[in-house]
Amino acid sequence: MKDEKLERHIAALRGGDAKAFDYIYERCSRAAYFTILYIVRDKMYAEDILQETFVRALKNLHQYTAGTNFIGWLCAVGRSLALNHLKKYRRETPTDFDADAYKYGTQETELPFIFDAAAKILTEEEYEILMLCQVAGYKRREVAAMLQMPIGTVTWKNNEALKKLRKYLEKEGRA
């Protein structure tokens, strides 16, 4: 499934229409954000890397092949930047604050346990589908188009991810 409107905006952006970026960002940012968040597991870093992802994507827009999966290409850029961040971060000496950073205001404070649990027990694909469907508010057909997979697969993986997460939360006594 090709997103014709997105492709038109990408072509317009390549042609110099800066206004086309607004649509592209609105359409693609949540998918890239949750891909990055799955890897870095920190809202602050994920937001920074998301911005860097768009800067890098704009700079290298000529490398994107028109008519293919732009959101997948953008997520691959974000994934690469997130992995580079992790490599760099692991080399640094951790502080006492790293383990419970959310207590000190440096990470997401509303739902750190659920996001951490989801990232811990789900595959990257299940996590991305769950976050796009349940947190970002995309419809399953939109997620299917973004990830270029059948809607039945997205529905099944979303339901399986919810079951796994529910079972884990019940086991932990948090459901």
Protein backbone atom coordinates (compact mmCIF):
# COMPACT_ATOMS: atom_id res chain seq x y z
CA MET A 1 0.00 0.00 0.00
CA LYS A 2 1.52 3.25 -1.15
CA ASP A 3 0.70 6.56 0.53
CA GLU A 4 0.17 8.80 -2.50
CA LYS A 5 -0.39 11.98 -0.49
CA LEU A 6 2.84 11.45 1.45
CA GLU A 7 4.73 10.78 -1.79
CA ARG A 8 3.35 14.03 -3.29
CA HIS A 9 4.56 15.99 -0.26
CA ILE A 10 7.99 14.36 -0.43
CA ALA A 11 8.23 15.31 -4.12
CA ALA A 12 7.16 18.86 -3.25
CA LEU A 13 9.79 19.04 -0.51
CA ARG A 14 12.44 17.83 -2.94
CA GLY A 15 11.25 20.57 -5.29
CA GLY A 16 11.86 23.23 -2.64
CA ASP A 17 8.40 23.59 -1.06
CA ALA A 18 9.28 23.93 2.65
CA LYS A 19 5.58 23.87 3.62
CA ALA A 20 5.43 20.20 2.59
CA PHE A 21 7.63 19.35 5.56
CA ASP A 22 4.78 20.08 8.00
CA TYR A 23 2.63 17.30 6.55
CA ILE A 24 5.57 14.89 6.37
CA TYR A 25 6.48 15.54 10.00
CA GLU A 26 2.87 15.18 11.18
CA ARG A 27 2.41 11.96 9.22
CA CYS A 28 5.70 10.26 10.13
CA SER A 29 6.98 11.58 13.47
CA ARG A 30 5.03 9.27 15.80
CA ALA A 31 6.18 6.10 14.06
CA ALA A 32 9.81 7.26 14.14
CA TYR A 33 9.48 8.39 17.76
CA PHE A 34 8.23 5.03 19.02
CA THR A 35 10.89 3.20 17.05
CA ILE A 36 13.54 5.35 18.74
CA LEU A 37 11.90 5.16 22.17
CA TYR A 38 11.96 1.37 22.02
CA ILE A 39 15.73 1.48 21.65
CA VAL A 40 16.78 4.29 24.00
CA ARG A 41 13.93 3.89 26.52
CA ASP A 42 14.15 7.51 27.59
CA LYS A 43 11.68 10.16 26.44
CA MET A 44 14.18 13.03 26.53
CA TYR A 45 16.75 11.23 24.40
CA ALA A 46 14.06 9.89 22.06
CA GLU A 47 12.80 13.42 21.38
CA ASP A 48 16.32 14.67 20.69
CA ILE A 49 17.10 11.75 18.39
CA LEU A 50 13.77 12.25 16.59
CA GLN A 51 14.75 15.81 15.74
CA GLU A 52 18.17 14.64 14.58
CA THR A 53 16.42 11.97 12.50
CA PHE A 54 14.44 14.57 10.59
CA VAL A 55 17.50 16.77 10.11
CA ARG A 56 19.45 13.80 8.76
CA ALA A 57 16.52 12.69 6.58
CA LEU A 58 16.14 16.15 5.06
CA LYS A 59 19.85 16.35 4.37
CA ASN A 60 19.79 12.93 2.68
CA LEU A 61 16.35 13.07 1.08
CA HIS A 62 17.98 12.39 -2.28
CA GLN A 63 18.79 8.85 -1.03
CA TYR A 64 15.13 7.96 -0.56
CA THR A 65 13.69 6.05 -3.53
CA ALA A 66 10.29 7.50 -4.44
CA GLY A 67 7.43 5.04 -4.25
CA THR A 68 8.96 2.89 -1.54
CA ASN A 69 8.17 2.98 2.19
CA PHE A 70 9.20 6.47 3.37
CA ILE A 71 8.12 5.85 6.96
CA GLY A 72 10.19 2.65 7.03
CA TRP A 73 13.17 4.56 5.59
CA LEU A 74 12.75 7.30 8.19
CA CYS A 75 12.45 4.74 11.01
CA ALA A 76 15.66 3.08 9.78
CA VAL A 77 17.44 6.45 10.02
CA GLY A 78 16.06 6.93 13.54
CA ARG A 79 16.97 3.37 14.54
CA SER A 80 20.54 3.91 13.37
CA LEU A 81 20.87 7.17 15.29
CA ALA A 82 19.36 5.58 18.42
CA LEU A 83 21.79 2.66 18.25
CA ASN A 84 24.69 5.09 17.81
CA HIS A 85 23.46 6.96 20.87
CA LEU A 86 23.40 3.74 22.89
CA LYS A 87 26.94 2.85 21.84
CA LYS A 88 28.15 6.27 22.91
CA TYR A 89 26.14 6.25 26.13
CA ARG A 90 27.39 2.81 27.17
CA ARG A 91 30.97 4.06 26.99
CA GLU A 92 30.21 6.77 29.52
CA THR A 93 30.38 6.03 33.23
CA PRO A 94 26.85 5.57 34.61
CA THR A 95 25.77 7.57 37.64
CA ASP A 96 23.64 6.52 40.58
CA PHE A 97 20.76 8.40 39.00
CA ASP A 98 20.61 6.23 35.87
CA ALA A 99 18.74 3.29 37.40
CA ASP A 100 15.86 5.39 38.75
CA ALA A 101 16.20 8.52 36.63
CA TYR A 102 12.43 9.04 36.43
CA LYS A 103 12.43 9.75 40.20
CA TYR A 104 14.67 12.72 39.57
CA GLY A 105 12.68 14.18 36.68
CA THR A 106 14.94 13.12 33.82
CA GLN A 107 12.64 10.51 32.27
CA GLU A 108 8.96 10.09 31.58
CA THR A 109 7.22 10.00 34.97
CA GLU A 110 3.63 9.10 34.07
CA LEU A 111 4.01 5.52 32.85
CA PRO A 112 7.65 4.45 33.08
CA PHE A 113 6.81 0.98 34.37
CA ILE A 114 4.39 0.11 31.56
CA PHE A 115 6.69 1.43 28.82
CA ASP A 116 9.64 -0.39 30.39
CA ALA A 117 7.61 -3.59 30.76
CA ALA A 118 6.43 -3.39 27.14
CA ALA A 119 9.96 -2.80 25.87
CA LYS A 120 11.23 -5.66 28.03
CA ILE A 121 8.74 -8.36 27.03
CA LEU A 122 7.70 -7.46 23.48
CA THR A 123 9.62 -7.75 20.26
CA GLU A 124 10.55 -4.50 18.53
CA GLU A 125 7.80 -5.03 15.96
CA GLU A 126 5.14 -5.79 18.61
CA TYR A 127 6.22 -2.76 20.63
CA GLU A 128 6.08 -0.48 17.60
CA ILE A 129 2.62 -1.74 16.60
CA LEU A 130 1.31 -1.48 20.17
CA MET A 131 2.62 2.07 20.59
CA LEU A 132 1.29 3.23 17.24
CA CYS A 133 -2.15 1.69 17.77
CA GLN A 134 -2.65 2.24 21.50
CA VAL A 135 -0.54 5.28 22.41
CA ALA A 136 -0.20 7.32 19.23
CA GLY A 137 -3.81 6.69 18.23
CA TYR A 138 -3.31 5.46 14.68
CA LYS A 139 -5.92 3.13 13.23
CA ARG A 140 -4.73 -0.39 12.46
CA ARG A 141 -5.15 0.20 8.73
CA GLU A 142 -2.90 3.28 9.00
CA VAL A 143 -0.28 1.27 10.89
CA ALA A 144 -0.54 -1.48 8.28
CA ALA A 145 0.14 1.07 5.54
CA MET A 146 3.06 2.60 7.47
CA LEU A 147 4.72 -0.73 8.16
CA GLN A 148 3.69 -2.25 4.83
CA MET A 149 2.06 -5.33 6.28
CA PRO A 150 -1.45 -6.76 6.04
CA ILE A 151 -4.03 -5.29 8.41
CA GLY A 152 -4.76 -8.78 9.74
CA THR A 153 -1.12 -9.14 10.80
CA VAL A 154 -1.18 -5.74 12.53
CA THR A 155 -4.43 -6.64 14.32
CA TRP A 156 -3.07 -10.02 15.42
CA LYS A 157 0.28 -8.61 16.62
CA ASN A 158 -1.47 -5.75 18.45
CA ASN A 159 -3.80 -8.19 20.23
CA GLU A 160 -0.94 -10.56 21.09
CA ALA A 161 1.14 -7.67 22.45
CA LEU A 162 -1.77 -6.54 24.62
CA LYS A 163 -2.23 -10.09 25.94
CA LYS A 164 1.48 -10.42 26.76
CA LEU A 165 1.53 -7.04 28.49
CA ARG A 166 -1.67 -7.77 30.45
CA LYS A 167 -0.31 -11.16 31.58
CA TYR A 168 2.99 -9.60 32.66
CA LEU A 169 1.26 -6.79 34.58
CA GLU A 170 -1.03 -9.28 36.34
CA LYS A 171 2.00 -11.37 37.31
CA GLU A 172 3.69 -8.25 38.69
CA GLY A 173 0.51 -7.28 40.57
CA ARG A 174 0.09 -4.02 38.66
CA ALA A 175 -2.97 -4.81 36.56
